[in-house]
Amino acid sequence: MDWKVLLFFLVVVYAVEVKEENSHGLDQADLPISQLFSDKRSTVAEPDNKEKILRRDRRGFRSYFYNYLDEIAMSICASIPSEGPGLLYAVRRTCGEKSTCKDICTDPKLRKQGPKEVQNLQWACAESLHVYKRQPALADNFEDYTDSHKLGLAIYRHYSCTIGGCGPNYCCCRAA
């Protein structure tokens, strides 16, 4: 192998390693806003100071997913006791629209969005929810008990499927 090719290869490898080290494996310029997190890092020394482990502070870290409000609503819809087996959906509802969750869940246009097996099932509303946006972001508590006794996410359960206006922003629809 020619020494110039080898030198070029080593320079490229070094440049890639430096870039990865500086960006901690993530290029934040390419990440959507929902995936940005604080670049603050702390080090924890192991016994004998042989090795350091990096740990990131994720205060303000939102979610790996774009639609984490959908995930929150779906988890609530799935946890509400139902009348038996069936498919559950968390369906978005626009603030101020006239349709209630009962109207939305029984709308034939909604059931046509699913596969053929679902379209012929009986559809009904199980609950209506308001998942509050822009709630305080709490720090990651995987390693430490941070942000204990602080308010975080909030959800209002309406216990009704007939509320309109700017009440619910999610409908729990059930197909059985």
N, C-alpha and C. Protein backbone atom coordinates (compact mmCIF):
# COMPACT_ATOMS: atom_id res chain seq x y z
N MET A 1 0.84 -1.17 0.00
CA MET A 1 0.00 0.00 0.00
C MET A 1 0.89 1.24 0.00
N ASP A 2 0.51 2.19 -0.77
CA ASP A 2 1.27 3.43 -0.88
C ASP A 2 1.17 4.20 0.43
N TRP A 3 2.25 4.82 0.88
CA TRP A 3 2.27 5.54 2.15
C TRP A 3 1.35 6.76 2.13
N LYS A 4 1.12 7.35 0.95
CA LYS A 4 0.22 8.51 0.84
C LYS A 4 -1.22 8.09 1.11
N VAL A 5 -1.60 6.93 0.60
CA VAL A 5 -2.95 6.42 0.83
C VAL A 5 -3.14 6.11 2.31
N LEU A 6 -2.14 5.50 2.92
CA LEU A 6 -2.20 5.17 4.34
C LEU A 6 -2.29 6.45 5.18
N LEU A 7 -1.51 7.45 4.85
CA LEU A 7 -1.55 8.71 5.57
C LEU A 7 -2.92 9.37 5.43
N PHE A 8 -3.48 9.37 4.23
CA PHE A 8 -4.80 9.94 3.99
C PHE A 8 -5.85 9.21 4.83
N PHE A 9 -5.79 7.89 4.86
CA PHE A 9 -6.72 7.08 5.64
C PHE A 9 -6.64 7.43 7.12
N LEU A 10 -5.43 7.55 7.66
CA LEU A 10 -5.25 7.88 9.07
C LEU A 10 -5.79 9.28 9.40
N VAL A 11 -5.59 10.23 8.50
CA VAL A 11 -6.10 11.59 8.72
C VAL A 11 -7.63 11.58 8.75
N VAL A 12 -8.25 10.84 7.85
CA VAL A 12 -9.72 10.76 7.81
C VAL A 12 -10.25 10.12 9.09
N VAL A 13 -9.64 9.02 9.53
CA VAL A 13 -10.07 8.35 10.75
C VAL A 13 -9.94 9.29 11.94
N TYR A 14 -8.83 10.00 12.04
CA TYR A 14 -8.63 10.94 13.14
C TYR A 14 -9.68 12.05 13.11
N ALA A 15 -9.98 12.59 11.94
CA ALA A 15 -10.97 13.66 11.83
C ALA A 15 -12.35 13.19 12.26
N VAL A 16 -12.72 11.98 11.90
CA VAL A 16 -14.02 11.43 12.30
C VAL A 16 -14.08 11.25 13.81
N GLU A 17 -13.00 10.74 14.41
CA GLU A 17 -12.97 10.55 15.86
C GLU A 17 -13.07 11.87 16.60
N VAL A 18 -12.39 12.90 16.13
CA VAL A 18 -12.44 14.21 16.77
C VAL A 18 -13.85 14.78 16.68
N LYS A 19 -14.48 14.66 15.52
CA LYS A 19 -15.84 15.17 15.35
C LYS A 19 -16.80 14.45 16.29
N GLU A 20 -16.72 13.12 16.38
CA GLU A 20 -17.60 12.37 17.28
C GLU A 20 -17.34 12.73 18.73
N GLU A 21 -16.09 12.93 19.09
CA GLU A 21 -15.77 13.29 20.47
C GLU A 21 -16.33 14.66 20.82
N ASN A 22 -16.24 15.60 19.88
CA ASN A 22 -16.73 16.95 20.15
C ASN A 22 -18.25 17.01 20.18
N SER A 23 -18.93 16.16 19.45
CA SER A 23 -20.39 16.21 19.43
C SER A 23 -21.01 15.18 20.34
N HIS A 24 -20.21 14.43 21.09
CA HIS A 24 -20.70 13.40 22.01
C HIS A 24 -21.57 12.39 21.27
N GLY A 25 -21.30 12.15 20.01
CA GLY A 25 -22.04 11.16 19.24
C GLY A 25 -23.30 11.71 18.60
N LEU A 26 -23.69 12.94 18.92
CA LEU A 26 -24.90 13.53 18.36
C LEU A 26 -24.57 14.88 17.76
N ASP A 27 -25.00 15.12 16.57
CA ASP A 27 -24.87 16.43 15.97
C ASP A 27 -26.17 17.17 16.23
N GLN A 28 -26.17 18.06 17.23
CA GLN A 28 -27.40 18.71 17.65
C GLN A 28 -28.00 19.59 16.57
N ALA A 29 -27.21 20.01 15.60
CA ALA A 29 -27.76 20.81 14.52
C ALA A 29 -28.72 20.00 13.66
N ASP A 30 -28.54 18.68 13.63
CA ASP A 30 -29.40 17.81 12.83
C ASP A 30 -30.59 17.28 13.60
N LEU A 31 -30.65 17.49 14.92
CA LEU A 31 -31.74 16.94 15.72
C LEU A 31 -32.94 17.87 15.69
N PRO A 32 -34.17 17.30 15.69
CA PRO A 32 -35.35 18.14 15.83
C PRO A 32 -35.40 18.73 17.23
N ILE A 33 -36.15 19.81 17.40
CA ILE A 33 -36.19 20.52 18.67
C ILE A 33 -36.63 19.61 19.81
N SER A 34 -37.46 18.61 19.54
CA SER A 34 -37.95 17.73 20.59
C SER A 34 -36.87 16.81 21.13
N GLN A 35 -35.73 16.70 20.45
CA GLN A 35 -34.69 15.79 20.89
C GLN A 35 -33.46 16.49 21.44
N LEU A 36 -33.48 17.79 21.55
CA LEU A 36 -32.32 18.51 22.07
C LEU A 36 -32.27 18.39 23.58
N PHE A 37 -31.09 18.27 24.11
CA PHE A 37 -30.92 18.21 25.56
C PHE A 37 -29.72 19.04 25.95
N SER A 38 -29.65 19.33 27.21
CA SER A 38 -28.54 20.14 27.72
C SER A 38 -27.22 19.43 27.47
N ASP A 39 -26.21 20.18 27.07
CA ASP A 39 -24.90 19.59 26.81
C ASP A 39 -24.07 19.51 28.08
N LYS A 40 -24.65 19.93 29.21
CA LYS A 40 -23.93 19.89 30.48
C LYS A 40 -23.62 18.44 30.84
N ARG A 41 -22.40 18.17 31.21
CA ARG A 41 -21.99 16.82 31.58
C ARG A 41 -21.24 16.87 32.89
N SER A 42 -21.35 15.81 33.63
CA SER A 42 -20.57 15.72 34.86
C SER A 42 -19.79 14.43 34.82
N THR A 43 -18.68 14.38 35.53
CA THR A 43 -17.87 13.18 35.54
C THR A 43 -17.93 12.53 36.91
N VAL A 44 -17.92 11.23 36.90
CA VAL A 44 -17.91 10.46 38.14
C VAL A 44 -16.68 9.56 38.08
N ALA A 45 -15.78 9.71 39.03
CA ALA A 45 -14.55 8.91 39.02
C ALA A 45 -14.82 7.55 39.63
N GLU A 46 -14.26 6.54 39.02
CA GLU A 46 -14.36 5.18 39.56
C GLU A 46 -13.23 4.96 40.55
N PRO A 47 -13.27 3.87 41.30
CA PRO A 47 -12.19 3.59 42.25
C PRO A 47 -10.83 3.63 41.56
N ASP A 48 -9.84 4.11 42.24
CA ASP A 48 -8.46 4.24 41.77
C ASP A 48 -8.33 5.24 40.62
N ASN A 49 -9.36 6.00 40.35
CA ASN A 49 -9.32 7.02 39.31
C ASN A 49 -8.87 6.48 37.95
N LYS A 50 -9.13 5.21 37.68
CA LYS A 50 -8.68 4.59 36.43
C LYS A 50 -9.49 5.08 35.23
N GLU A 51 -10.76 5.24 35.44
CA GLU A 51 -11.62 5.52 34.30
C GLU A 51 -12.70 6.50 34.72
N LYS A 52 -13.11 7.34 33.81
CA LYS A 52 -14.19 8.27 34.10
C LYS A 52 -15.41 7.89 33.26
N ILE A 53 -16.56 7.98 33.88
CA ILE A 53 -17.81 7.71 33.17
C ILE A 53 -18.53 9.03 32.98
N LEU A 54 -18.93 9.31 31.76
CA LEU A 54 -19.67 10.53 31.50
C LEU A 54 -21.15 10.28 31.74
N ARG A 55 -21.78 11.25 32.35
CA ARG A 55 -23.20 11.17 32.63
C ARG A 55 -23.81 12.49 32.20
N ARG A 56 -24.86 12.45 31.43
CA ARG A 56 -25.45 13.71 30.96
C ARG A 56 -26.62 14.13 31.84
N ASP A 57 -26.75 15.42 31.98
CA ASP A 57 -27.87 16.02 32.70
C ASP A 57 -28.95 16.29 31.66
N ARG A 58 -30.09 15.64 31.77
CA ARG A 58 -31.11 15.75 30.75
C ARG A 58 -32.23 16.73 31.11
N ARG A 59 -31.96 17.70 31.94
CA ARG A 59 -33.00 18.67 32.27
C ARG A 59 -33.45 19.34 30.97
N GLY A 60 -34.72 19.38 30.75
CA GLY A 60 -35.26 19.96 29.54
C GLY A 60 -35.37 18.96 28.40
N PHE A 61 -34.91 17.74 28.61
CA PHE A 61 -35.00 16.71 27.58
C PHE A 61 -36.46 16.33 27.40
N ARG A 62 -36.97 16.41 26.21
CA ARG A 62 -38.39 16.19 25.98
C ARG A 62 -38.72 14.71 25.78
N SER A 63 -38.40 14.18 24.65
CA SER A 63 -38.74 12.80 24.32
C SER A 63 -37.97 12.43 23.07
N TYR A 64 -37.75 11.14 22.89
CA TYR A 64 -37.15 10.69 21.65
C TYR A 64 -38.17 10.73 20.52
N PHE A 65 -39.41 10.92 20.85
CA PHE A 65 -40.48 10.86 19.87
C PHE A 65 -41.06 12.25 19.66
N TYR A 66 -41.52 12.51 18.44
CA TYR A 66 -42.11 13.80 18.13
C TYR A 66 -43.44 13.98 18.85
N ASN A 67 -44.24 12.93 18.94
CA ASN A 67 -45.60 13.03 19.43
C ASN A 67 -45.75 12.47 20.83
N TYR A 68 -44.96 12.96 21.76
CA TYR A 68 -45.04 12.41 23.10
C TYR A 68 -46.38 12.70 23.76
N LEU A 69 -47.10 13.74 23.33
CA LEU A 69 -48.44 13.98 23.85
C LEU A 69 -49.38 12.86 23.42
N ASP A 70 -49.19 12.37 22.19
CA ASP A 70 -49.98 11.23 21.72
C ASP A 70 -49.71 10.00 22.59
N GLU A 71 -48.44 9.81 22.94
CA GLU A 71 -48.08 8.65 23.77
C GLU A 71 -48.69 8.76 25.16
N ILE A 72 -48.69 9.96 25.71
CA ILE A 72 -49.29 10.15 27.03
C ILE A 72 -50.78 9.85 26.95
N ALA A 73 -51.47 10.41 25.96
CA ALA A 73 -52.90 10.18 25.82
C ALA A 73 -53.20 8.70 25.60
N MET A 74 -52.40 8.04 24.78
CA MET A 74 -52.63 6.62 24.51
C MET A 74 -52.45 5.79 25.78
N SER A 75 -51.48 6.13 26.60
CA SER A 75 -51.27 5.36 27.83
C SER A 75 -52.45 5.52 28.78
N ILE A 76 -53.04 6.71 28.83
CA ILE A 76 -54.22 6.92 29.67
C ILE A 76 -55.41 6.16 29.09
N CYS A 77 -55.62 6.27 27.79
CA CYS A 77 -56.74 5.56 27.15
C CYS A 77 -56.65 4.05 27.41
N ALA A 78 -55.46 3.51 27.32
CA ALA A 78 -55.28 2.06 27.51
C ALA A 78 -55.46 1.67 28.97
N SER A 79 -55.26 2.59 29.90
CA SER A 79 -55.36 2.24 31.32
C SER A 79 -56.78 2.38 31.87
N ILE A 80 -57.67 2.99 31.12
CA ILE A 80 -59.05 3.16 31.57
C ILE A 80 -59.78 1.82 31.43
N PRO A 81 -60.43 1.35 32.49
CA PRO A 81 -61.17 0.08 32.39
C PRO A 81 -62.23 0.17 31.30
N SER A 82 -62.35 -0.90 30.53
CA SER A 82 -63.33 -0.91 29.44
C SER A 82 -64.32 -2.05 29.66
N GLU A 83 -65.26 -2.14 28.76
CA GLU A 83 -66.32 -3.15 28.86
C GLU A 83 -65.88 -4.51 28.35
N GLY A 84 -64.67 -4.65 27.93
CA GLY A 84 -64.18 -5.91 27.41
C GLY A 84 -63.07 -5.68 26.41
N PRO A 85 -62.69 -6.74 25.69
CA PRO A 85 -61.60 -6.59 24.73
C PRO A 85 -61.98 -5.69 23.56
N GLY A 86 -60.97 -5.06 23.00
CA GLY A 86 -61.19 -4.20 21.85
C GLY A 86 -59.94 -3.39 21.56
N LEU A 87 -59.95 -2.72 20.44
CA LEU A 87 -58.84 -1.85 20.05
C LEU A 87 -59.08 -0.45 20.60
N LEU A 88 -58.04 0.15 21.12
CA LEU A 88 -58.14 1.50 21.68
C LEU A 88 -57.29 2.45 20.86
N TYR A 89 -57.80 3.65 20.67
CA TYR A 89 -57.09 4.69 19.93
C TYR A 89 -57.18 6.00 20.70
N ALA A 90 -56.08 6.73 20.76
CA ALA A 90 -56.08 8.10 21.26
C ALA A 90 -56.15 8.99 20.02
N VAL A 91 -57.29 9.64 19.82
CA VAL A 91 -57.54 10.43 18.63
C VAL A 91 -57.46 11.91 19.00
N ARG A 92 -56.68 12.66 18.25
CA ARG A 92 -56.54 14.09 18.51
C ARG A 92 -57.86 14.82 18.22
N ARG A 93 -58.10 15.85 19.02
CA ARG A 93 -59.28 16.70 18.83
C ARG A 93 -58.81 18.15 18.91
N THR A 94 -59.30 18.99 18.01
CA THR A 94 -58.90 20.39 17.94
C THR A 94 -59.71 21.23 18.92
N CYS A 95 -59.02 22.08 19.65
CA CYS A 95 -59.67 22.99 20.60
C CYS A 95 -60.67 23.88 19.87
N GLY A 96 -61.88 23.96 20.40
CA GLY A 96 -62.89 24.85 19.84
C GLY A 96 -63.78 24.23 18.78
N GLU A 97 -63.49 23.03 18.34
CA GLU A 97 -64.35 22.44 17.31
C GLU A 97 -65.68 22.00 17.92
N LYS A 98 -66.72 21.93 17.08
CA LYS A 98 -68.06 21.59 17.56
C LYS A 98 -68.21 20.11 17.88
N SER A 99 -67.50 19.26 17.17
CA SER A 99 -67.64 17.82 17.37
C SER A 99 -67.18 17.42 18.77
N THR A 100 -67.97 16.59 19.43
CA THR A 100 -67.57 16.03 20.72
C THR A 100 -66.80 14.74 20.46
N CYS A 101 -66.23 14.18 21.51
CA CYS A 101 -65.51 12.91 21.34
C CYS A 101 -66.47 11.79 20.93
N LYS A 102 -67.70 11.85 21.38
CA LYS A 102 -68.70 10.86 20.95
C LYS A 102 -68.90 10.96 19.44
N ASP A 103 -68.99 12.18 18.92
CA ASP A 103 -69.14 12.39 17.47
C ASP A 103 -67.92 11.89 16.72
N ILE A 104 -66.74 12.20 17.23
CA ILE A 104 -65.50 11.84 16.55
C ILE A 104 -65.32 10.32 16.52
N CYS A 105 -65.54 9.66 17.65
CA CYS A 105 -65.30 8.21 17.73
C CYS A 105 -66.30 7.40 16.90
N THR A 106 -67.50 7.92 16.71
CA THR A 106 -68.51 7.18 15.94
C THR A 106 -68.57 7.63 14.48
N ASP A 107 -67.72 8.54 14.08
CA ASP A 107 -67.70 9.03 12.71
C ASP A 107 -67.21 7.94 11.76
N PRO A 108 -67.99 7.61 10.73
CA PRO A 108 -67.56 6.59 9.76
C PRO A 108 -66.23 6.92 9.06
N LYS A 109 -65.91 8.21 8.92
CA LYS A 109 -64.65 8.60 8.29
C LYS A 109 -63.45 8.15 9.13
N LEU A 110 -63.61 8.14 10.45
CA LEU A 110 -62.53 7.71 11.34
C LEU A 110 -62.26 6.22 11.17
N ARG A 111 -63.31 5.43 11.18
CA ARG A 111 -63.11 3.97 11.08
C ARG A 111 -62.55 3.55 9.73
N LYS A 112 -62.78 4.34 8.69
CA LYS A 112 -62.24 4.02 7.37
C LYS A 112 -60.72 4.18 7.30
N GLN A 113 -60.14 4.86 8.30
CA GLN A 113 -58.69 5.03 8.33
C GLN A 113 -57.99 3.75 8.74
N GLY A 114 -58.70 2.84 9.37
CA GLY A 114 -58.10 1.60 9.85
C GLY A 114 -58.21 0.49 8.83
N PRO A 115 -57.62 -0.67 9.14
CA PRO A 115 -57.71 -1.82 8.24
C PRO A 115 -59.15 -2.33 8.15
N LYS A 116 -59.42 -3.16 7.17
CA LYS A 116 -60.78 -3.66 6.93
C LYS A 116 -61.36 -4.37 8.15
N GLU A 117 -60.51 -5.08 8.89
CA GLU A 117 -60.98 -5.82 10.06
C GLU A 117 -61.54 -4.87 11.13
N VAL A 118 -61.06 -3.65 11.16
CA VAL A 118 -61.47 -2.67 12.18
C VAL A 118 -62.69 -1.89 11.73
N GLN A 119 -62.85 -1.70 10.44
CA GLN A 119 -63.91 -0.86 9.92
C GLN A 119 -65.31 -1.37 10.26
N ASN A 120 -65.47 -2.67 10.37
CA ASN A 120 -66.79 -3.24 10.63
C ASN A 120 -67.09 -3.43 12.11
N LEU A 121 -66.17 -3.05 12.97
CA LEU A 121 -66.40 -3.19 14.41
C LEU A 121 -67.32 -2.07 14.92
N GLN A 122 -67.83 -2.26 16.12
CA GLN A 122 -68.65 -1.24 16.77
C GLN A 122 -67.73 -0.21 17.42
N TRP A 123 -67.86 1.05 17.06
CA TRP A 123 -66.99 2.11 17.58
C TRP A 123 -67.75 2.95 18.60
N ALA A 124 -67.03 3.35 19.66
CA ALA A 124 -67.63 4.17 20.71
C ALA A 124 -66.54 5.00 21.39
N CYS A 125 -66.98 5.99 22.13
CA CYS A 125 -66.06 6.81 22.91
C CYS A 125 -65.95 6.22 24.30
N ALA A 126 -64.73 6.08 24.79
CA ALA A 126 -64.50 5.57 26.15
C ALA A 126 -64.23 6.71 27.13
N GLU A 127 -63.64 7.80 26.66
CA GLU A 127 -63.28 8.91 27.55
C GLU A 127 -62.78 10.09 26.73
N SER A 128 -62.77 11.26 27.34
CA SER A 128 -62.16 12.44 26.71
C SER A 128 -61.14 13.01 27.69
N LEU A 129 -60.01 13.46 27.15
CA LEU A 129 -58.89 13.93 27.97
C LEU A 129 -58.40 15.28 27.49
N HIS A 130 -57.80 16.01 28.41
CA HIS A 130 -57.03 17.20 28.02
C HIS A 130 -55.60 16.99 28.52
N VAL A 131 -54.68 16.76 27.58
CA VAL A 131 -53.26 16.61 27.91
C VAL A 131 -52.65 18.00 27.80
N TYR A 132 -52.19 18.53 28.92
CA TYR A 132 -51.69 19.90 28.95
C TYR A 132 -50.30 19.98 28.32
N LYS A 133 -50.14 20.97 27.47
CA LYS A 133 -48.87 21.21 26.79
C LYS A 133 -48.05 22.19 27.61
N ARG A 134 -46.77 22.28 27.29
CA ARG A 134 -45.85 23.24 27.90
C ARG A 134 -45.81 23.15 29.43
N GLN A 135 -45.76 21.94 29.94
CA GLN A 135 -45.61 21.71 31.37
C GLN A 135 -44.14 21.79 31.74
N PRO A 136 -43.81 22.00 33.02
CA PRO A 136 -42.40 22.07 33.42
C PRO A 136 -41.65 20.79 33.08
N ALA A 137 -40.44 20.93 32.57
CA ALA A 137 -39.60 19.78 32.25
C ALA A 137 -38.80 19.41 33.50
N LEU A 138 -38.91 18.18 33.91
CA LEU A 138 -38.17 17.71 35.08
C LEU A 138 -36.89 17.02 34.63
N ALA A 139 -35.90 17.03 35.50
CA ALA A 139 -34.60 16.41 35.19
C ALA A 139 -34.72 14.89 35.19
N ASP A 140 -33.82 14.25 34.50
CA ASP A 140 -33.75 12.80 34.45
C ASP A 140 -33.48 12.27 35.85
N ASN A 141 -34.27 11.30 36.30
CA ASN A 141 -34.06 10.74 37.64
C ASN A 141 -33.62 9.28 37.59
N PHE A 142 -32.95 8.90 36.52
CA PHE A 142 -32.50 7.52 36.38
C PHE A 142 -31.46 7.16 37.42
N GLU A 143 -30.50 8.04 37.66
CA GLU A 143 -29.42 7.75 38.60
C GLU A 143 -29.62 8.41 39.97
N ASP A 144 -30.27 9.55 40.01
CA ASP A 144 -30.46 10.28 41.25
C ASP A 144 -31.93 10.63 41.41
N TYR A 145 -32.34 10.93 42.63
CA TYR A 145 -33.70 11.39 42.89
C TYR A 145 -33.75 12.90 42.73
N THR A 146 -33.79 13.34 41.48
CA THR A 146 -33.82 14.77 41.21
C THR A 146 -35.25 15.23 40.99
N ASP A 147 -35.51 16.45 41.27
CA ASP A 147 -36.81 17.10 41.07
C ASP A 147 -37.96 16.38 41.78
N SER A 148 -37.68 15.76 42.91
CA SER A 148 -38.75 15.16 43.71
C SER A 148 -39.63 16.27 44.27
N HIS A 149 -40.89 15.97 44.44
CA HIS A 149 -41.88 16.90 45.00
C HIS A 149 -42.08 18.13 44.12
N LYS A 150 -41.96 17.96 42.81
CA LYS A 150 -42.20 19.05 41.86
C LYS A 150 -43.27 18.61 40.87
N LEU A 151 -44.11 19.55 40.47
CA LEU A 151 -45.15 19.25 39.49
C LEU A 151 -44.54 19.10 38.11
N GLY A 152 -45.05 18.14 37.35
CA GLY A 152 -44.58 17.91 35.99
C GLY A 152 -45.77 17.88 35.03
N LEU A 153 -45.93 16.76 34.35
CA LEU A 153 -47.00 16.60 33.37
C LEU A 153 -48.37 16.64 34.05
N ALA A 154 -49.39 17.09 33.29
CA ALA A 154 -50.75 17.15 33.82
C ALA A 154 -51.74 16.72 32.75
N ILE A 155 -52.74 15.97 33.19
CA ILE A 155 -53.81 15.49 32.31
C ILE A 155 -55.13 15.67 33.05
N TYR A 156 -56.13 16.19 32.34
CA TYR A 156 -57.47 16.31 32.93
C TYR A 156 -58.36 15.26 32.28
N ARG A 157 -58.98 14.46 33.10
CA ARG A 157 -59.91 13.43 32.63
C ARG A 157 -61.32 13.98 32.81
N HIS A 158 -62.08 14.06 31.72
CA HIS A 158 -63.40 14.70 31.75
C HIS A 158 -64.51 13.79 32.27
N TYR A 159 -64.34 12.49 32.24
CA TYR A 159 -65.39 11.53 32.61
C TYR A 159 -66.66 11.76 31.79
N SER A 160 -66.47 12.14 30.54
CA SER A 160 -67.59 12.39 29.64
C SER A 160 -67.09 12.34 28.20
N CYS A 161 -67.98 12.00 27.31
CA CYS A 161 -67.65 12.00 25.88
C CYS A 161 -68.43 13.06 25.12
N THR A 162 -69.18 13.90 25.85
CA THR A 162 -70.06 14.87 25.18
C THR A 162 -69.65 16.32 25.44
N ILE A 163 -68.44 16.55 25.88
CA ILE A 163 -67.97 17.91 26.13
C ILE A 163 -67.37 18.47 24.84
N GLY A 164 -67.77 19.68 24.50
CA GLY A 164 -67.27 20.32 23.29
C GLY A 164 -66.36 21.49 23.63
N GLY A 165 -66.31 22.45 22.72
CA GLY A 165 -65.51 23.65 22.95
C GLY A 165 -64.03 23.35 23.05
N CYS A 166 -63.38 24.06 23.96
CA CYS A 166 -61.93 23.88 24.12
C CYS A 166 -61.63 23.01 25.33
N GLY A 167 -62.44 21.99 25.53
CA GLY A 167 -62.22 21.06 26.64
C GLY A 167 -61.20 20.01 26.26
N PRO A 168 -61.66 18.84 25.83
CA PRO A 168 -60.71 17.77 25.52
C PRO A 168 -59.90 18.03 24.25
N ASN A 169 -58.64 17.61 24.29
CA ASN A 169 -57.82 17.65 23.07
C ASN A 169 -57.47 16.24 22.60
N TYR A 170 -57.96 15.22 23.32
CA TYR A 170 -57.82 13.82 22.89
C TYR A 170 -59.10 13.07 23.23
N CYS A 171 -59.47 12.16 22.33
CA CYS A 171 -60.60 11.28 22.55
C CYS A 171 -60.08 9.85 22.64
N CYS A 172 -60.56 9.11 23.62
CA CYS A 172 -60.24 7.69 23.72
C CYS A 172 -61.33 6.92 23.00
N CYS A 173 -61.02 6.41 21.83
CA CYS A 173 -62.00 5.69 21.02
C CYS A 173 -61.73 4.19 21.13
N ARG A 174 -62.83 3.42 21.17
CA ARG A 174 -62.73 1.97 21.32
C ARG A 174 -63.49 1.30 20.18
N ALA A 175 -62.85 0.34 19.55
CA ALA A 175 -63.47 -0.46 18.49
C ALA A 175 -63.53 -1.90 18.98
N ALA A 176 -64.74 -2.43 19.07
CA ALA A 176 -64.91 -3.81 19.57
C ALA A 176 -65.92 -4.57 18.74
